[in-house]
Amino acid sequence: MKITFLVCNDVESPRVMKLLQEADIDYYTRWEHVKGKGHGTDPHLDTRSFPGTNAVFMIAFEKEESLDRLVQEINEANKAILRADDHIRLFQVPLERIV
């Protein structure tokens, strides 16, 4: 089992929702208006100097196939996003238990 944290610019949230739908994933926890900065990316701090915020989707996967399909969808979507700073990011870690 795996758990992922999918991070994107808030303006990319509709695209992410479409990716989840296309990958037959109808389960997630979503945080909106998240502030932060990634390695080599512009800050998204919702200030005049650093406008914008992120969205985070937490998704628990019991089946590897669903995760693999989502990763493929994200890779394809990122090809259409011109600025690397705006790419959709997926962080994956082991998941030991779901209660």
N, C-alpha and C. Protein backbone atom coordinates (compact mmCIF):
# COMPACT_ATOMS: atom_id res chain seq x y z
N MET A 1 0.85 -1.18 0.00
CA MET A 1 0.00 0.00 0.00
C MET A 1 0.89 1.24 0.00
N LYS A 2 0.40 2.27 -0.63
CA LYS A 2 1.12 3.54 -0.74
C LYS A 2 0.18 4.69 -0.41
N ILE A 3 0.79 5.78 0.04
CA ILE A 3 0.03 7.01 0.18
C ILE A 3 0.80 8.07 -0.60
N THR A 4 0.06 8.91 -1.31
CA THR A 4 0.69 9.94 -2.12
C THR A 4 0.16 11.31 -1.71
N PHE A 5 1.01 12.28 -1.93
CA PHE A 5 0.62 13.68 -1.77
C PHE A 5 0.86 14.33 -3.11
N LEU A 6 -0.21 14.72 -3.75
CA LEU A 6 -0.16 15.34 -5.06
C LEU A 6 -0.27 16.84 -4.84
N VAL A 7 0.74 17.59 -5.27
CA VAL A 7 0.79 19.03 -5.03
C VAL A 7 0.77 19.75 -6.37
N CYS A 8 -0.08 20.77 -6.45
CA CYS A 8 -0.17 21.55 -7.69
C CYS A 8 -0.55 22.98 -7.37
N ASN A 9 -0.29 23.86 -8.32
CA ASN A 9 -0.77 25.23 -8.22
C ASN A 9 -2.30 25.17 -8.20
N ASP A 10 -2.93 26.02 -7.38
CA ASP A 10 -4.39 26.01 -7.28
C ASP A 10 -5.08 26.07 -8.64
N VAL A 11 -4.50 26.80 -9.59
CA VAL A 11 -5.14 26.93 -10.89
C VAL A 11 -5.15 25.61 -11.66
N GLU A 12 -4.31 24.66 -11.25
CA GLU A 12 -4.27 23.35 -11.90
C GLU A 12 -5.23 22.35 -11.25
N SER A 13 -5.94 22.74 -10.20
CA SER A 13 -6.85 21.82 -9.50
C SER A 13 -7.89 21.19 -10.43
N PRO A 14 -8.52 21.95 -11.33
CA PRO A 14 -9.49 21.31 -12.23
C PRO A 14 -8.84 20.24 -13.11
N ARG A 15 -7.61 20.48 -13.55
CA ARG A 15 -6.90 19.49 -14.37
C ARG A 15 -6.63 18.24 -13.53
N VAL A 16 -6.23 18.42 -12.27
CA VAL A 16 -5.97 17.27 -11.40
C VAL A 16 -7.26 16.48 -11.16
N MET A 17 -8.36 17.17 -10.94
CA MET A 17 -9.63 16.48 -10.74
C MET A 17 -9.98 15.63 -11.97
N LYS A 18 -9.69 16.16 -13.15
CA LYS A 18 -9.95 15.41 -14.38
C LYS A 18 -9.02 14.18 -14.46
N LEU A 19 -7.76 14.35 -14.07
CA LEU A 19 -6.83 13.22 -14.07
C LEU A 19 -7.30 12.12 -13.13
N LEU A 20 -7.77 12.52 -11.96
CA LEU A 20 -8.27 11.53 -11.01
C LEU A 20 -9.47 10.78 -11.59
N GLN A 21 -10.35 11.52 -12.23
CA GLN A 21 -11.53 10.90 -12.83
C GLN A 21 -11.11 9.93 -13.94
N GLU A 22 -10.17 10.34 -14.77
CA GLU A 22 -9.71 9.49 -15.86
C GLU A 22 -9.01 8.23 -15.35
N ALA A 23 -8.41 8.32 -14.16
CA ALA A 23 -7.73 7.17 -13.57
C ALA A 23 -8.67 6.36 -12.66
N ASP A 24 -9.96 6.68 -12.69
CA ASP A 24 -10.97 6.00 -11.88
C ASP A 24 -10.67 6.08 -10.38
N ILE A 25 -10.19 7.24 -9.94
CA ILE A 25 -9.91 7.48 -8.53
C ILE A 25 -10.94 8.46 -8.01
N ASP A 26 -11.82 7.97 -7.14
CA ASP A 26 -12.86 8.84 -6.59
C ASP A 26 -12.70 8.99 -5.07
N TYR A 27 -11.48 8.82 -4.58
CA TYR A 27 -11.19 8.89 -3.15
C TYR A 27 -9.92 9.75 -2.97
N TYR A 28 -10.02 10.75 -2.14
CA TYR A 28 -8.89 11.64 -1.86
C TYR A 28 -9.28 12.57 -0.72
N THR A 29 -8.29 13.18 -0.13
CA THR A 29 -8.48 14.30 0.80
C THR A 29 -7.79 15.49 0.16
N ARG A 30 -8.46 16.62 0.13
CA ARG A 30 -7.94 17.79 -0.57
C ARG A 30 -7.80 18.96 0.38
N TRP A 31 -6.62 19.57 0.32
CA TRP A 31 -6.39 20.83 1.04
C TRP A 31 -6.24 21.92 0.00
N GLU A 32 -6.90 23.05 0.21
CA GLU A 32 -6.81 24.18 -0.70
C GLU A 32 -6.12 25.35 -0.02
N HIS A 33 -5.64 26.27 -0.83
CA HIS A 33 -4.97 27.49 -0.36
C HIS A 33 -3.77 27.16 0.52
N VAL A 34 -2.98 26.18 0.09
CA VAL A 34 -1.79 25.75 0.81
C VAL A 34 -0.61 26.61 0.35
N LYS A 35 0.15 27.09 1.31
CA LYS A 35 1.30 27.93 1.00
C LYS A 35 2.57 27.10 1.08
N GLY A 36 3.55 27.46 0.23
CA GLY A 36 4.82 26.75 0.30
C GLY A 36 5.72 27.04 -0.88
N LYS A 37 6.87 26.38 -0.85
CA LYS A 37 7.86 26.52 -1.91
C LYS A 37 8.57 25.19 -2.08
N GLY A 38 8.71 24.74 -3.30
CA GLY A 38 9.41 23.50 -3.60
C GLY A 38 10.83 23.77 -4.06
N HIS A 39 11.61 22.69 -4.20
CA HIS A 39 12.98 22.82 -4.71
C HIS A 39 12.95 23.42 -6.11
N GLY A 40 13.63 24.54 -6.28
CA GLY A 40 13.74 25.15 -7.59
C GLY A 40 12.46 25.72 -8.16
N THR A 41 11.45 25.97 -7.33
CA THR A 41 10.20 26.54 -7.82
C THR A 41 9.94 27.89 -7.16
N ASP A 42 9.03 28.63 -7.76
CA ASP A 42 8.63 29.91 -7.18
C ASP A 42 7.80 29.66 -5.92
N PRO A 43 7.93 30.54 -4.91
CA PRO A 43 7.07 30.42 -3.74
C PRO A 43 5.62 30.72 -4.09
N HIS A 44 4.70 30.05 -3.43
CA HIS A 44 3.27 30.33 -3.52
C HIS A 44 2.81 30.65 -2.10
N LEU A 45 2.89 31.94 -1.76
CA LEU A 45 2.65 32.36 -0.38
C LEU A 45 1.43 33.25 -0.22
N ASP A 46 0.68 33.47 -1.30
CA ASP A 46 -0.53 34.29 -1.26
C ASP A 46 -0.25 35.70 -0.76
N THR A 47 0.89 36.25 -1.20
CA THR A 47 1.25 37.64 -0.86
C THR A 47 1.43 38.42 -2.16
N ARG A 48 1.60 39.72 -2.04
CA ARG A 48 1.82 40.53 -3.24
C ARG A 48 3.12 40.14 -3.92
N SER A 49 4.15 39.86 -3.14
CA SER A 49 5.45 39.49 -3.70
C SER A 49 5.45 38.08 -4.27
N PHE A 50 4.72 37.18 -3.61
CA PHE A 50 4.68 35.77 -4.02
C PHE A 50 3.23 35.31 -4.09
N PRO A 51 2.53 35.72 -5.16
CA PRO A 51 1.10 35.41 -5.25
C PRO A 51 0.83 33.92 -5.51
N GLY A 52 -0.40 33.55 -5.28
CA GLY A 52 -0.84 32.19 -5.57
C GLY A 52 -0.70 31.26 -4.38
N THR A 53 -1.43 30.17 -4.45
CA THR A 53 -1.36 29.11 -3.45
C THR A 53 -1.39 27.76 -4.17
N ASN A 54 -1.20 26.72 -3.41
CA ASN A 54 -1.21 25.36 -3.94
C ASN A 54 -2.45 24.61 -3.45
N ALA A 55 -2.66 23.47 -4.04
CA ALA A 55 -3.64 22.50 -3.55
C ALA A 55 -2.88 21.19 -3.32
N VAL A 56 -3.30 20.44 -2.32
CA VAL A 56 -2.69 19.15 -2.02
C VAL A 56 -3.79 18.10 -1.98
N PHE A 57 -3.56 17.01 -2.68
CA PHE A 57 -4.48 15.87 -2.69
C PHE A 57 -3.75 14.70 -2.04
N MET A 58 -4.29 14.20 -0.94
CA MET A 58 -3.74 13.01 -0.29
C MET A 58 -4.57 11.82 -0.77
N ILE A 59 -3.88 10.81 -1.29
CA ILE A 59 -4.59 9.65 -1.85
C ILE A 59 -3.92 8.38 -1.34
N ALA A 60 -4.70 7.52 -0.72
CA ALA A 60 -4.21 6.23 -0.25
C ALA A 60 -4.52 5.17 -1.30
N PHE A 61 -3.50 4.40 -1.67
CA PHE A 61 -3.66 3.37 -2.70
C PHE A 61 -3.45 1.99 -2.10
N GLU A 62 -4.44 1.15 -2.28
CA GLU A 62 -4.29 -0.25 -1.89
C GLU A 62 -3.78 -1.07 -3.08
N LYS A 63 -4.02 -0.57 -4.29
CA LYS A 63 -3.62 -1.28 -5.52
C LYS A 63 -2.60 -0.44 -6.28
N GLU A 64 -1.50 -1.06 -6.62
CA GLU A 64 -0.43 -0.38 -7.36
C GLU A 64 -0.88 0.06 -8.75
N GLU A 65 -1.80 -0.71 -9.35
CA GLU A 65 -2.22 -0.40 -10.72
C GLU A 65 -2.85 0.99 -10.80
N SER A 66 -3.65 1.35 -9.82
CA SER A 66 -4.30 2.66 -9.82
C SER A 66 -3.27 3.77 -9.71
N LEU A 67 -2.29 3.57 -8.86
CA LEU A 67 -1.22 4.56 -8.69
C LEU A 67 -0.40 4.68 -9.97
N ASP A 68 -0.04 3.55 -10.57
CA ASP A 68 0.74 3.58 -11.81
C ASP A 68 0.00 4.35 -12.90
N ARG A 69 -1.29 4.14 -12.99
CA ARG A 69 -2.09 4.84 -14.02
C ARG A 69 -2.09 6.35 -13.76
N LEU A 70 -2.23 6.73 -12.48
CA LEU A 70 -2.21 8.16 -12.15
C LEU A 70 -0.85 8.78 -12.48
N VAL A 71 0.22 8.09 -12.19
CA VAL A 71 1.56 8.60 -12.50
C VAL A 71 1.69 8.83 -14.01
N GLN A 72 1.19 7.90 -14.80
CA GLN A 72 1.22 8.07 -16.26
C GLN A 72 0.42 9.30 -16.68
N GLU A 73 -0.76 9.47 -16.09
CA GLU A 73 -1.61 10.62 -16.42
C GLU A 73 -0.91 11.94 -16.05
N ILE A 74 -0.25 11.96 -14.91
CA ILE A 74 0.45 13.18 -14.48
C ILE A 74 1.61 13.48 -15.42
N ASN A 75 2.38 12.46 -15.78
CA ASN A 75 3.49 12.68 -16.72
C ASN A 75 2.99 13.27 -18.04
N GLU A 76 1.87 12.77 -18.53
CA GLU A 76 1.31 13.31 -19.77
C GLU A 76 0.83 14.75 -19.58
N ALA A 77 0.15 15.01 -18.47
CA ALA A 77 -0.34 16.37 -18.21
C ALA A 77 0.81 17.35 -18.08
N ASN A 78 1.89 16.95 -17.45
CA ASN A 78 3.03 17.86 -17.27
C ASN A 78 3.69 18.24 -18.58
N LYS A 79 3.56 17.41 -19.60
CA LYS A 79 4.10 17.75 -20.92
C LYS A 79 3.40 18.97 -21.50
N ALA A 80 2.14 19.17 -21.13
CA ALA A 80 1.36 20.29 -21.65
C ALA A 80 1.49 21.55 -20.79
N ILE A 81 2.12 21.43 -19.63
CA ILE A 81 2.31 22.59 -18.75
C ILE A 81 3.67 23.18 -19.07
N LEU A 82 3.68 24.40 -19.60
CA LEU A 82 4.91 24.98 -20.15
C LEU A 82 6.00 25.21 -19.11
N ARG A 83 5.64 25.82 -17.99
CA ARG A 83 6.65 26.14 -16.98
C ARG A 83 6.85 24.95 -16.03
N ALA A 84 8.10 24.52 -15.88
CA ALA A 84 8.39 23.41 -14.97
C ALA A 84 7.95 23.74 -13.54
N ASP A 85 8.00 25.03 -13.17
CA ASP A 85 7.54 25.44 -11.84
C ASP A 85 6.08 25.07 -11.60
N ASP A 86 5.30 24.99 -12.66
CA ASP A 86 3.87 24.73 -12.53
C ASP A 86 3.50 23.25 -12.69
N HIS A 87 4.49 22.39 -12.83
CA HIS A 87 4.19 20.97 -12.99
C HIS A 87 3.49 20.41 -11.76
N ILE A 88 2.68 19.42 -11.99
CA ILE A 88 2.01 18.69 -10.92
C ILE A 88 3.04 17.74 -10.32
N ARG A 89 3.14 17.75 -9.01
CA ARG A 89 4.12 16.91 -8.30
C ARG A 89 3.40 15.80 -7.53
N LEU A 90 4.00 14.63 -7.50
CA LEU A 90 3.45 13.53 -6.72
C LEU A 90 4.55 12.98 -5.83
N PHE A 91 4.28 12.93 -4.54
CA PHE A 91 5.20 12.39 -3.55
C PHE A 91 4.59 11.10 -3.02
N GLN A 92 5.35 10.03 -3.04
CA GLN A 92 4.83 8.70 -2.67
C GLN A 92 5.62 8.16 -1.49
N VAL A 93 4.90 7.63 -0.51
CA VAL A 93 5.53 7.00 0.66
C VAL A 93 4.77 5.71 0.99
N PRO A 94 5.42 4.79 1.72
CA PRO A 94 4.73 3.56 2.11
C PRO A 94 3.56 3.86 3.06
N LEU A 95 2.53 3.05 2.97
CA LEU A 95 1.39 3.15 3.85
C LEU A 95 1.26 1.82 4.57
N GLU A 96 1.38 1.86 5.88
CA GLU A 96 1.39 0.62 6.66
C GLU A 96 0.00 0.12 7.04
N ARG A 97 -0.93 1.05 7.23
CA ARG A 97 -2.22 0.60 7.73
C ARG A 97 -3.30 1.63 7.40
N ILE A 98 -4.51 1.13 7.12
CA ILE A 98 -5.69 1.96 7.00
C ILE A 98 -6.70 1.40 8.00
N VAL A 99 -7.20 2.23 8.88
CA VAL A 99 -8.17 1.78 9.90
C VAL A 99 -9.51 2.43 9.64
